[in-house]
Protein backbone atom coordinates (compact mmCIF):
# COMPACT_ATOMS: atom_id res chain seq x y z
CA MET A 1 -47.66 58.33 11.98
CA SER A 2 -48.85 60.29 14.95
CA PRO A 3 -52.14 59.28 16.77
CA ASP A 4 -53.66 62.57 15.54
CA ALA A 5 -53.11 61.83 11.82
CA PRO A 6 -56.55 60.27 11.28
CA ASP A 7 -58.16 63.38 12.80
CA ALA A 8 -56.02 65.55 10.64
CA ARG A 9 -57.02 63.68 7.47
CA ALA A 10 -60.77 63.80 8.45
CA ALA A 11 -60.46 67.52 9.09
CA ALA A 12 -58.90 68.22 5.65
CA SER A 13 -61.63 66.22 3.89
CA ALA A 14 -64.42 67.99 5.69
CA GLY A 15 -66.56 70.50 3.78
CA PRO A 16 -66.44 74.32 4.34
CA ALA A 17 -69.33 74.22 6.77
CA GLU A 18 -67.60 71.59 8.92
CA ALA A 19 -64.36 73.40 8.77
CA ALA A 20 -65.91 76.56 9.92
CA ALA A 21 -67.55 74.67 12.78
CA ASP A 22 -64.26 72.99 13.72
CA SER A 23 -62.52 76.44 13.83
CA HIS A 24 -64.10 77.29 17.24
CA ALA A 25 -61.36 77.49 19.74
CA PRO A 26 -61.31 74.99 22.60
CA PRO A 27 -61.84 76.25 26.16
CA THR A 28 -58.17 76.45 26.67
CA THR A 29 -55.61 79.23 26.73
CA LEU A 30 -52.66 79.36 24.18
CA ALA A 31 -50.49 77.81 26.82
CA GLY A 32 -52.78 74.70 26.81
CA ARG A 33 -54.45 75.52 30.31
CA LEU A 34 -58.04 75.54 30.73
CA SER A 35 -59.51 78.88 31.35
CA ALA A 36 -60.71 79.79 34.85
CA GLY A 37 -64.25 80.30 33.59
CA THR A 38 -64.42 76.86 32.10
CA ILE A 39 -63.08 75.27 35.27
CA ALA A 40 -65.54 77.27 37.47
CA ARG A 41 -68.54 76.39 35.27
CA TYR A 42 -67.58 72.69 35.21
CA ALA A 43 -67.02 72.53 38.98
CA THR A 44 -70.44 74.11 39.65
CA GLY A 45 -72.01 71.01 38.34
CA SER A 46 -70.82 69.29 41.50
CA VAL A 47 -73.25 71.32 43.39
CA GLY A 48 -75.84 69.17 41.70
CA THR A 49 -73.92 65.91 41.66
CA GLY A 50 -72.76 66.32 45.31
CA GLY A 51 -76.37 67.12 46.47
CA PHE A 52 -77.97 64.26 44.80
CA ALA A 53 -75.23 61.83 46.00
CA THR A 54 -75.40 63.14 49.64
CA LEU A 55 -78.86 64.01 50.76
CA PRO A 56 -80.69 60.84 49.67
CA GLY A 57 -77.74 58.76 50.85
CA LEU A 58 -77.87 60.60 54.13
CA VAL A 59 -81.58 60.67 54.89
CA LEU A 60 -83.63 58.40 52.52
CA ALA A 61 -83.33 55.16 54.55
CA TYR A 62 -83.94 56.99 57.69
CA TYR A 63 -86.92 58.82 56.12
CA LEU A 64 -88.35 55.38 55.19
CA THR A 65 -87.69 53.56 58.44
CA ASP A 66 -88.20 56.42 61.01
CA SER A 67 -90.88 58.55 59.40
CA LEU A 68 -92.89 56.36 57.12
CA GLY A 69 -92.60 53.20 59.37
CA VAL A 70 -91.02 51.04 56.50
CA ALA A 71 -89.25 48.01 57.81
CA ALA A 72 -85.46 48.16 57.40
CA LEU A 73 -85.13 45.48 54.83
CA ALA A 74 -87.99 46.78 52.74
CA ALA A 75 -86.41 50.30 52.81
CA GLY A 76 -83.16 48.70 51.52
CA ALA A 77 -85.11 46.98 48.83
CA VAL A 78 -86.66 50.31 47.70
CA ILE A 79 -83.29 52.09 47.51
CA THR A 80 -81.57 49.22 45.83
CA ALA A 81 -84.31 48.75 43.14
CA ALA A 82 -83.98 52.34 42.06
CA LYS A 83 -80.40 52.10 41.90
CA VAL A 84 -80.43 48.89 39.98
CA TRP A 85 -82.55 50.67 37.35
CA ASP A 86 -79.59 53.16 37.20
CA VAL A 87 -77.19 50.51 36.39
CA VAL A 88 -79.42 49.33 33.49
CA ILE A 89 -80.01 52.83 32.03
CA ASP A 90 -76.59 54.39 32.54
CA PRO A 91 -74.89 52.52 29.68
CA VAL A 92 -77.86 53.36 27.36
CA ILE A 93 -77.46 57.02 28.45
CA GLY A 94 -73.70 56.74 27.57
CA ALA A 95 -74.64 55.44 24.19
CA LEU A 96 -77.20 58.22 23.62
CA THR A 97 -74.73 60.90 24.61
CA ASP A 98 -72.12 59.56 22.23
CA ARG A 99 -74.60 59.57 19.47
CA ASP A 100 -75.47 63.12 20.29
CA LEU A 101 -71.90 64.10 20.24
CA ALA A 102 -71.34 62.57 16.85
CA ARG A 103 -74.52 64.05 15.37
CA HIS A 104 -74.47 67.59 16.95
CA GLY A 105 -70.99 68.18 18.20
CA THR A 106 -72.06 68.45 21.79
CA ARG A 107 -73.40 66.41 24.78
CA ARG A 108 -75.56 69.22 26.02
CA ARG A 109 -79.01 68.02 25.05
CA LEU A 110 -79.39 65.20 27.66
CA MET A 111 -77.78 67.31 30.29
CA LEU A 112 -80.34 70.00 29.98
CA VAL A 113 -83.30 67.42 30.10
CA GLY A 114 -81.89 65.99 33.37
CA SER A 115 -81.24 69.45 34.90
CA CYS A 116 -84.66 70.86 33.97
CA SER A 117 -86.64 67.87 35.41
CA ILE A 118 -84.78 66.85 38.67
CA ALA A 119 -86.08 69.68 40.92
CA VAL A 120 -89.70 68.60 40.88
CA LEU A 121 -88.95 64.90 40.99
CA PHE A 122 -86.55 65.26 43.87
CA ALA A 123 -89.18 67.14 45.89
CA LEU A 124 -91.81 64.43 45.27
CA THR A 125 -89.49 61.82 46.68
CA PHE A 126 -89.95 63.42 50.16
CA ALA A 127 -93.50 64.39 49.73
CA VAL A 128 -95.27 61.12 51.02
CA PRO A 129 -98.30 61.76 53.14
CA PRO A 130 -97.80 59.53 56.11
CA ALA A 131 -101.44 58.54 56.27
CA LEU A 132 -101.02 56.52 53.23
CA GLY A 133 -99.24 53.92 55.31
CA PRO A 134 -95.77 52.00 55.01
CA VAL A 135 -96.68 49.95 51.89
CA VAL A 136 -98.06 52.83 49.75
CA GLY A 137 -95.33 55.17 51.07
CA ALA A 138 -92.64 52.74 50.11
CA ILE A 139 -94.15 52.52 46.51
CA TRP A 140 -94.34 56.22 46.20
CA VAL A 141 -90.72 56.67 47.25
CA LEU A 142 -89.66 53.96 44.90
CA ILE A 143 -91.36 55.51 41.81
CA ALA A 144 -90.36 59.17 42.58
CA PHE A 145 -86.71 58.18 43.39
CA LEU A 146 -86.52 56.05 40.31
CA LEU A 147 -87.55 58.92 38.07
CA THR A 148 -85.27 61.26 40.01
CA ALA A 149 -82.29 59.04 39.58
CA THR A 150 -83.15 58.75 35.78
CA ALA A 151 -83.05 62.51 35.50
CA PHE A 152 -79.71 62.63 37.39
CA SER A 153 -78.14 60.16 35.10
CA LEU A 154 -79.11 62.04 32.04
CA PHE A 155 -76.86 64.80 33.44
CA GLN A 156 -74.26 62.82 35.20
CA VAL A 157 -73.18 60.46 32.36
CA PRO A 158 -72.23 63.07 29.80
CA TYR A 159 -70.89 65.39 32.57
CA ILE A 160 -68.31 62.71 33.60
CA ALA A 161 -67.37 62.31 29.91
CA LEU A 162 -66.44 65.88 29.45
CA PRO A 163 -62.93 66.11 31.23
CA ALA A 164 -61.42 63.71 28.63
CA GLU A 165 -62.67 65.97 25.81
CA LEU A 166 -61.89 69.44 27.38
CA THR A 167 -58.13 68.97 27.72
CA PRO A 168 -55.57 66.31 26.78
CA GLY A 169 -53.25 67.37 29.54
CA TYR A 170 -52.33 64.80 32.33
CA ASP A 171 -51.87 67.52 34.97
CA GLU A 172 -54.44 69.77 33.60
CA ARG A 173 -57.07 67.08 34.15
CA THR A 174 -55.85 66.82 37.74
CA ARG A 175 -56.35 70.56 38.04
CA LEU A 176 -59.85 70.49 36.61
CA LEU A 177 -60.98 67.62 38.75
CA THR A 178 -59.31 69.01 41.93
CA TRP A 179 -61.53 72.04 41.78
CA ARG A 180 -64.45 70.04 40.94
CA VAL A 181 -63.84 68.15 44.12
CA VAL A 182 -63.44 71.37 46.08
CA VAL A 183 -67.05 72.37 45.03
CA LEU A 184 -68.08 68.79 45.62
CA THR A 185 -67.03 68.94 49.19
CA LEU A 186 -68.69 72.23 49.65
CA ALA A 187 -71.97 70.63 48.24
CA ILE A 188 -71.54 67.73 50.58
CA LEU A 189 -71.28 70.17 53.55
CA LEU A 190 -74.15 72.32 52.11
CA PHE A 191 -76.55 69.27 51.79
CA GLY A 192 -75.12 67.21 54.66
CA ALA A 193 -75.55 70.04 57.17
CA GLY A 194 -78.02 72.09 55.52
CA GLY A 195 -80.55 69.31 54.52
CA PRO A 196 -81.26 68.21 58.06
CA ALA A 197 -81.32 71.91 59.17
CA LEU A 198 -84.10 72.32 56.49
CA ARG A 199 -85.88 69.43 57.73
CA ALA A 200 -85.95 70.84 61.13
CA ALA A 201 -87.38 74.02 60.03
CA SER A 202 -90.81 72.72 60.80
CA ASP A 203 -92.02 71.05 63.96
CA ASP A 204 -93.98 68.83 61.56
CA PRO A 205 -91.63 66.08 60.19
CA THR A 206 -93.76 65.66 57.15
CA THR A 207 -93.57 69.41 56.28
CA GLY A 208 -89.95 69.46 57.19
CA TYR A 209 -89.03 66.75 54.72
CA LEU A 210 -91.15 68.54 51.96
CA ILE A 211 -89.24 71.82 52.61
CA MET A 212 -86.00 70.01 52.50
CA GLY A 213 -86.87 68.23 49.23
CA GLY A 214 -88.08 71.39 47.40
CA VAL A 215 -85.22 73.67 48.37
CA ALA A 216 -82.57 70.97 47.68
CA GLY A 217 -84.10 70.04 44.35
CA ILE A 218 -83.83 73.68 43.18
CA VAL A 219 -80.20 74.06 44.25
CA ILE A 220 -79.35 70.77 42.53
CA ALA A 221 -80.91 71.76 39.25
CA GLY A 222 -79.23 75.32 39.30
CA GLY A 223 -75.83 73.80 39.78
CA MET A 224 -76.31 71.26 36.92
CA LEU A 225 -77.63 74.06 34.47
CA VAL A 226 -74.56 76.02 34.99
CA ALA A 227 -72.32 73.03 34.02
CA THR A 228 -74.15 72.35 30.78
CA THR A 229 -72.49 75.58 29.32
CA VAL A 230 -69.12 73.79 29.06
CA ALA A 231 -70.45 71.06 26.90
CA ARG A 232 -68.92 71.67 23.50
CA ARG A 233 -67.06 69.78 20.66
CA PRO A 234 -64.08 67.74 22.28
CA VAL A 235 -60.35 68.52 21.68
CA SER A 236 -57.91 65.94 20.43
CA ALA A 237 -54.79 64.80 21.98
CA ALA A 238 -53.08 67.66 20.18
CA GLY A 239 -55.51 70.18 21.89
CA VAL A 240 -57.49 70.99 18.73
CA PRO A 241 -61.27 70.52 18.20
CA VAL A 242 -62.09 67.04 16.96
CA SER A 243 -63.80 67.43 13.52
CA THR A 244 -67.36 66.47 12.61
CA ALA A 245 -66.00 64.07 10.07
CA ALA A 246 -63.91 62.20 12.60
CA LEU A 247 -66.95 61.64 14.78
CA ALA A 248 -69.26 60.52 11.80
CA PRO A 249 -68.68 56.93 12.19
CA ALA A 250 -70.13 57.00 15.54
CA ALA A 251 -73.08 58.92 14.39
CA ARG A 252 -73.91 55.97 12.04
CA MET A 253 -73.60 53.29 14.67
CA PRO A 254 -76.86 51.80 15.83
CA LEU A 255 -77.91 52.46 19.45
CA ARG A 256 -77.25 48.81 20.38
CA GLU A 257 -73.68 49.15 19.14
CA HIS A 258 -73.16 52.24 21.19
CA TYR A 259 -74.49 50.36 24.30
CA ALA A 260 -72.28 47.31 23.43
CA ASP A 261 -69.37 49.58 23.26
CA GLY A 262 -69.61 50.54 26.89
CA ILE A 263 -69.56 46.86 27.89
CA ARG A 264 -66.69 46.11 25.57
CA SER A 265 -64.82 49.01 27.12
CA LEU A 266 -64.48 46.81 30.22
CA ARG A 267 -63.16 43.92 28.27
CA ARG A 268 -60.53 45.67 26.13
CA SER A 269 -59.23 48.12 28.80
CA ALA A 270 -57.46 46.69 31.67
CA PRO A 271 -56.64 50.11 33.28
CA PHE A 272 -60.46 50.84 33.21
CA ARG A 273 -61.36 47.53 34.84
CA ALA A 274 -58.91 48.25 37.65
CA LEU A 275 -59.79 51.75 38.16
CA LEU A 276 -63.69 50.99 38.10
CA SER A 277 -63.19 48.04 40.46
CA THR A 278 -61.40 50.16 43.01
CA PHE A 279 -63.86 53.15 42.60
CA VAL A 280 -67.00 50.73 43.10
CA LEU A 281 -65.37 49.18 46.32
CA GLN A 282 -64.88 52.65 47.65
CA ALA A 283 -68.26 53.89 46.76
CA LEU A 284 -69.77 50.96 48.69
CA ALA A 285 -67.59 51.85 51.66
CA THR A 286 -68.48 55.62 51.55
CA GLY A 287 -72.00 54.91 50.65
CA LEU A 288 -72.30 52.69 53.76
CA MET A 289 -70.82 55.28 56.07
CA LEU A 290 -73.04 58.06 54.45
CA ALA A 291 -76.17 56.04 55.07
CA GLY A 292 -75.09 55.25 58.53
CA ALA A 293 -74.17 58.80 59.63
CA GLN A 294 -77.66 59.63 60.69
CA TYR A 295 -78.00 56.43 62.77
CA VAL A 296 -74.62 57.02 64.45
CA ALA A 297 -75.77 60.55 65.39
CA THR A 298 -79.20 59.43 66.82
CA TRP A 299 -78.25 56.10 68.44
CA VAL A 300 -74.56 56.30 69.20
CA MET A 301 -74.02 59.93 70.03
CA ARG A 302 -77.64 60.37 71.27
CA SER A 303 -78.33 63.45 69.09
CA GLU A 304 -80.22 63.56 65.82
CA ASP A 305 -78.63 66.92 65.09
CA ALA A 306 -75.08 65.52 65.57
CA VAL A 307 -75.24 64.49 62.01
CA GLN A 308 -74.59 68.15 61.01
CA LEU A 309 -71.44 68.16 63.04
CA LEU A 310 -70.27 64.91 61.55
CA PHE A 311 -70.50 66.48 58.08
CA ILE A 312 -68.61 69.53 59.15
CA ALA A 313 -65.96 67.31 60.63
CA LEU A 314 -65.73 65.50 57.21
CA ILE A 315 -65.88 68.32 54.92
CA ALA A 316 -63.95 71.18 56.56
CA PRO A 317 -60.64 69.39 56.32
CA ALA A 318 -61.44 67.97 52.93
CA LEU A 319 -61.76 71.60 51.52
CA LEU A 320 -58.32 72.27 52.60
CA ALA A 321 -57.00 68.90 51.53
CA ALA A 322 -58.21 68.81 47.99
CA PRO A 323 -55.62 71.17 46.48
CA GLY A 324 -52.90 69.46 48.52
CA TRP A 325 -53.72 66.11 47.01
CA GLY A 326 -53.44 67.65 43.47
CA VAL A 327 -49.93 68.95 44.36
CA ILE A 328 -48.71 65.60 45.71
CA ALA A 329 -50.16 63.93 42.48
CA ARG A 330 -48.09 66.20 40.28
CA ARG A 331 -44.96 65.16 42.22
CA ILE A 332 -45.56 61.41 42.61
CA GLY A 333 -48.34 60.49 40.20
CA LYS A 334 -52.07 60.14 40.64
CA GLU A 335 -52.06 56.33 41.26
CA ARG A 336 -49.56 56.47 44.12
CA THR A 337 -51.28 59.48 45.72
CA PHE A 338 -54.73 57.78 45.36
CA ALA A 339 -53.37 54.66 47.29
CA ILE A 340 -51.99 56.80 50.07
CA ALA A 341 -55.28 58.68 50.47
CA SER A 342 -57.24 55.36 50.49
CA ALA A 343 -54.91 53.79 53.09
CA VAL A 344 -55.45 56.91 55.45
CA PHE A 345 -59.18 56.76 55.10
CA ALA A 346 -59.22 53.04 56.03
CA VAL A 347 -57.22 53.69 59.17
CA ALA A 348 -59.33 56.64 60.18
CA ALA A 349 -62.61 54.59 59.71
CA LEU A 350 -61.21 51.60 61.68
CA THR A 351 -60.59 53.84 64.73
CA ILE A 352 -64.27 54.70 64.98
CA VAL A 353 -64.95 51.15 66.26
CA ALA A 354 -64.05 52.24 69.73
CA ALA A 355 -67.28 54.30 69.80
CA GLN A 356 -68.98 50.90 70.72
CA TRP A 357 -67.32 51.19 74.31
CA ALA A 358 -66.57 54.89 74.52
CA PRO A 359 -68.75 57.10 72.27
CA GLY A 360 -67.96 60.79 72.55
CA ASP A 361 -66.80 63.90 70.78
CA TRP A 362 -63.56 62.23 69.82
CA ILE A 363 -65.37 60.61 66.91
CA TYR A 364 -65.16 64.02 65.04
CA ALA A 365 -61.36 63.74 65.02
CA SER A 366 -61.44 60.35 63.42
CA VAL A 367 -64.10 61.66 60.83
CA ALA A 368 -61.72 64.67 60.15
CA ALA A 369 -58.84 62.39 59.27
CA ALA A 370 -61.28 60.54 56.93
CA GLY A 371 -62.30 63.79 55.43
CA ILE A 372 -58.69 64.71 54.46
CA SER A 373 -58.39 61.37 52.68
CA TYR A 374 -61.85 61.53 51.18
CA ALA A 375 -60.86 64.63 49.00
CA GLY A 376 -58.09 62.64 47.49
CA MET A 377 -60.29 59.66 47.02
CA GLN A 378 -62.67 61.66 45.01
CA SER A 379 -60.49 63.83 42.87
CA LEU A 380 -57.83 61.46 41.91
CA PRO A 381 -59.84 58.62 40.27
CA MET A 382 -62.04 61.22 38.40
CA ALA A 383 -58.68 62.68 37.18
CA MET A 384 -57.47 59.17 36.14
CA LEU A 385 -60.67 58.25 34.22
CA PRO A 386 -59.96 60.82 31.33
CA ASP A 387 -56.45 59.25 31.19
CA VAL A 388 -58.11 55.81 30.64
CA ILE A 389 -60.34 57.25 27.96
CA SER A 390 -57.57 58.87 26.08
CA HIS A 391 -55.51 55.69 26.38
CA ASP A 392 -58.28 53.88 24.72
CA GLU A 393 -58.88 56.51 21.96
CA ILE A 394 -55.30 56.02 20.70
CA ALA A 395 -56.28 52.46 19.44
CA HIS A 396 -60.14 52.89 18.90
CA GLY A 397 -60.65 56.56 18.00
CA PRO A 398 -62.50 59.38 19.69
CA GLY A 399 -66.18 59.67 20.57
CA ARG A 400 -66.64 56.91 23.07
CA ALA A 401 -66.20 58.83 26.26
CA GLY A 402 -69.82 58.49 26.91
CA ALA A 403 -69.58 54.66 26.72
CA PHE A 404 -66.96 54.79 29.49
CA SER A 405 -68.78 57.32 31.50
CA GLY A 406 -72.09 55.29 31.39
CA VAL A 407 -70.35 52.15 32.70
CA TRP A 408 -68.56 54.30 35.28
CA THR A 409 -71.74 55.90 36.53
CA ALA A 410 -73.43 52.62 36.71
CA GLY A 411 -70.67 51.31 38.75
CA GLU A 412 -70.55 54.27 41.14
CA THR A 413 -74.37 54.04 41.42
CA ILE A 414 -74.39 50.45 42.33
CA GLY A 415 -71.70 51.01 44.88
CA PHE A 416 -73.48 53.72 46.72
CA ALA A 417 -76.70 51.80 46.52
CA LEU A 418 -75.21 48.62 47.85
CA GLY A 419 -73.74 50.71 50.66
CA ALA A 420 -77.26 51.84 51.87
CA THR A 421 -78.40 48.11 51.27
CA ALA A 422 -75.67 46.68 53.26
CA LEU A 423 -76.58 48.98 56.19
CA THR A 424 -80.26 47.94 56.16
CA VAL A 425 -79.26 44.16 56.17
CA ILE A 426 -76.97 44.93 59.09
CA LEU A 427 -79.73 46.76 60.90
CA ALA A 428 -82.21 43.97 60.30
CA LEU A 429 -79.68 41.17 61.45
CA THR A 430 -78.99 43.06 64.62
CA GLY A 431 -82.72 43.68 65.47
CA TYR A 432 -83.09 47.46 64.59
CA VAL A 433 -86.67 48.73 65.53
CA SER A 434 -88.24 51.00 62.86
CA SER A 435 -90.72 53.67 63.84
CA THR A 436 -93.13 56.26 62.56
CA ALA A 437 -92.71 60.02 63.02
CA GLY A 438 -93.00 61.07 66.62
CA GLN A 439 -92.93 57.37 68.00
CA MET A 440 -90.27 56.73 70.67
CA VAL A 441 -88.40 53.40 70.63
CA THR A 442 -85.45 51.97 72.24
CA GLN A 443 -82.87 50.03 70.17
CA PRO A 444 -81.42 46.79 71.50
CA ASP A 445 -77.57 46.81 72.19
CA ALA A 446 -77.02 44.60 69.28
CA ALA A 447 -78.60 47.18 66.98
CA THR A 448 -76.20 49.95 68.26
CA ALA A 449 -73.24 47.59 67.78
CA GLY A 450 -74.30 46.95 64.16
CA ILE A 451 -74.39 50.68 63.52
CA VAL A 452 -70.86 51.16 64.83
CA ILE A 453 -69.56 48.27 62.85
CA SER A 454 -71.22 49.32 59.68
CA PHE A 455 -69.54 52.78 60.27
CA SER A 456 -66.02 51.55 60.91
CA ILE A 457 -64.93 47.90 60.42
CA VAL A 458 -66.89 47.10 57.18
CA PRO A 459 -65.86 50.29 55.28
CA ALA A 460 -62.30 49.86 56.47
CA ALA A 461 -62.30 46.30 55.08
CA LEU A 462 -63.87 47.40 51.81
CA ILE A 463 -61.04 50.08 51.26
CA GLY A 464 -58.46 47.33 51.98
CA LEU A 465 -59.89 45.35 49.17
CA SER A 466 -59.83 48.41 46.80
CA LEU A 467 -56.17 48.85 47.25
CA LEU A 468 -55.67 45.21 45.96
CA THR A 469 -57.58 46.27 42.72
CA LEU A 470 -55.81 49.54 42.41
CA ALA A 471 -52.49 47.71 42.33
CA ARG A 472 -53.40 46.42 38.92
CA TYR A 473 -53.89 49.93 37.47
CA ARG A 474 -50.72 50.32 35.22
CA LEU A 475 -51.21 53.59 33.44
CA ARG A 476 -48.60 56.24 34.33
CA ARG A 477 -47.84 59.92 33.48
CA ALA A 478 -45.43 58.83 30.71
CA ASP A 479 -48.02 56.61 28.97
CA ILE A 480 -50.43 59.66 28.82
CA GLU A 481 -47.89 62.32 27.88
CA SER A 482 -46.18 60.12 25.12
CA ALA A 483 -49.64 59.50 23.63
CA ALA A 484 -50.31 63.21 23.49
């Protein structure tokens, strides 16, 4: 009996109302391809996800240490505490969004709550009056950023679950996620270069950060709201909408069982364990480099504004490279292409260590090479995750994508958070001197060396470790296409 037979039986037993609801066509063409409008709306969500991932990672640690006068280790503790909270709640949100899907046929509700609340919360994170002092300032940022991260997770967890439910096609998922990453790289450029530019719009750093937080929060929320329009009933491996009856067992599950299902997904799915381990290690590496970019610009390249050029060097090549990685993946497979992109990134990062002895504009070339690889490192694992979910659905039934995406988002979150934490630890160990806005300080040579190492050797080593975990990923095109 085919894997879709249970869905067919459930649909046949559904009542007239459910049958009518299930007659809505999925967002694909008759040839099984996603419509251009669906791809565009889904990809627009990456304006929000890219903005939230980029701007706090780029400037939040620097804001704490060099504007509010918070010590480097304390700044790292603030960022890490908020991210640990994410790790706790993301599987819960995954459980809630699976329950929403089972009860209402869509994951849209939580996505809307997160989208509508994040703008104000994001602005509040960068609205600390410096007169409050470092301790109160650190507490303010912790609470505001924790709430902002919660709003983001309410959107992000169901957003990541959608590709597995929008299309069953192996290559079609690559196409969907490739264009998502094209928009993601644009968002990184927009926020990575535009955020510091907005901060510089005022001579007063406090006002500058407030302007940056307010404008960025509005743009992030707008991108998220557009993406909520593609949240609809999932399609089965045969490309037809999954019936309400097929999802009914999940609707009756207690919340704790939904939560536990996310944890069980790690135990029962070897491909998921391998892919998640790889992605977390790479999030740690890229999070470390992202948090260190402002420090490299200020203390190695001796120009605070150089951070904008670093982001342009990273993103301009990535915009051109993202479709290219998709083409290669269709020829040799996603997993092999992912390994190639990762290896190129590691080599590019390693070359930057020479900046310790000869800083200069040549760093932009190394960053550009890393940008070419970064496009593949983002799109390919995201296109592999729906394959992992589909592989699991064959044995365990539909409606659990939220459980996978909740664990995935928690892993990604902790990876990026630990990247910023690792940077603050390196800065503390090498004697980095924190300061308040307008105060002039001189950094010891050891601190400058620590900044370079955190931007080159450590990320390259982490990418090397991720290649070892990627080698344990066993799913191939034939596994997914035979299941479909």
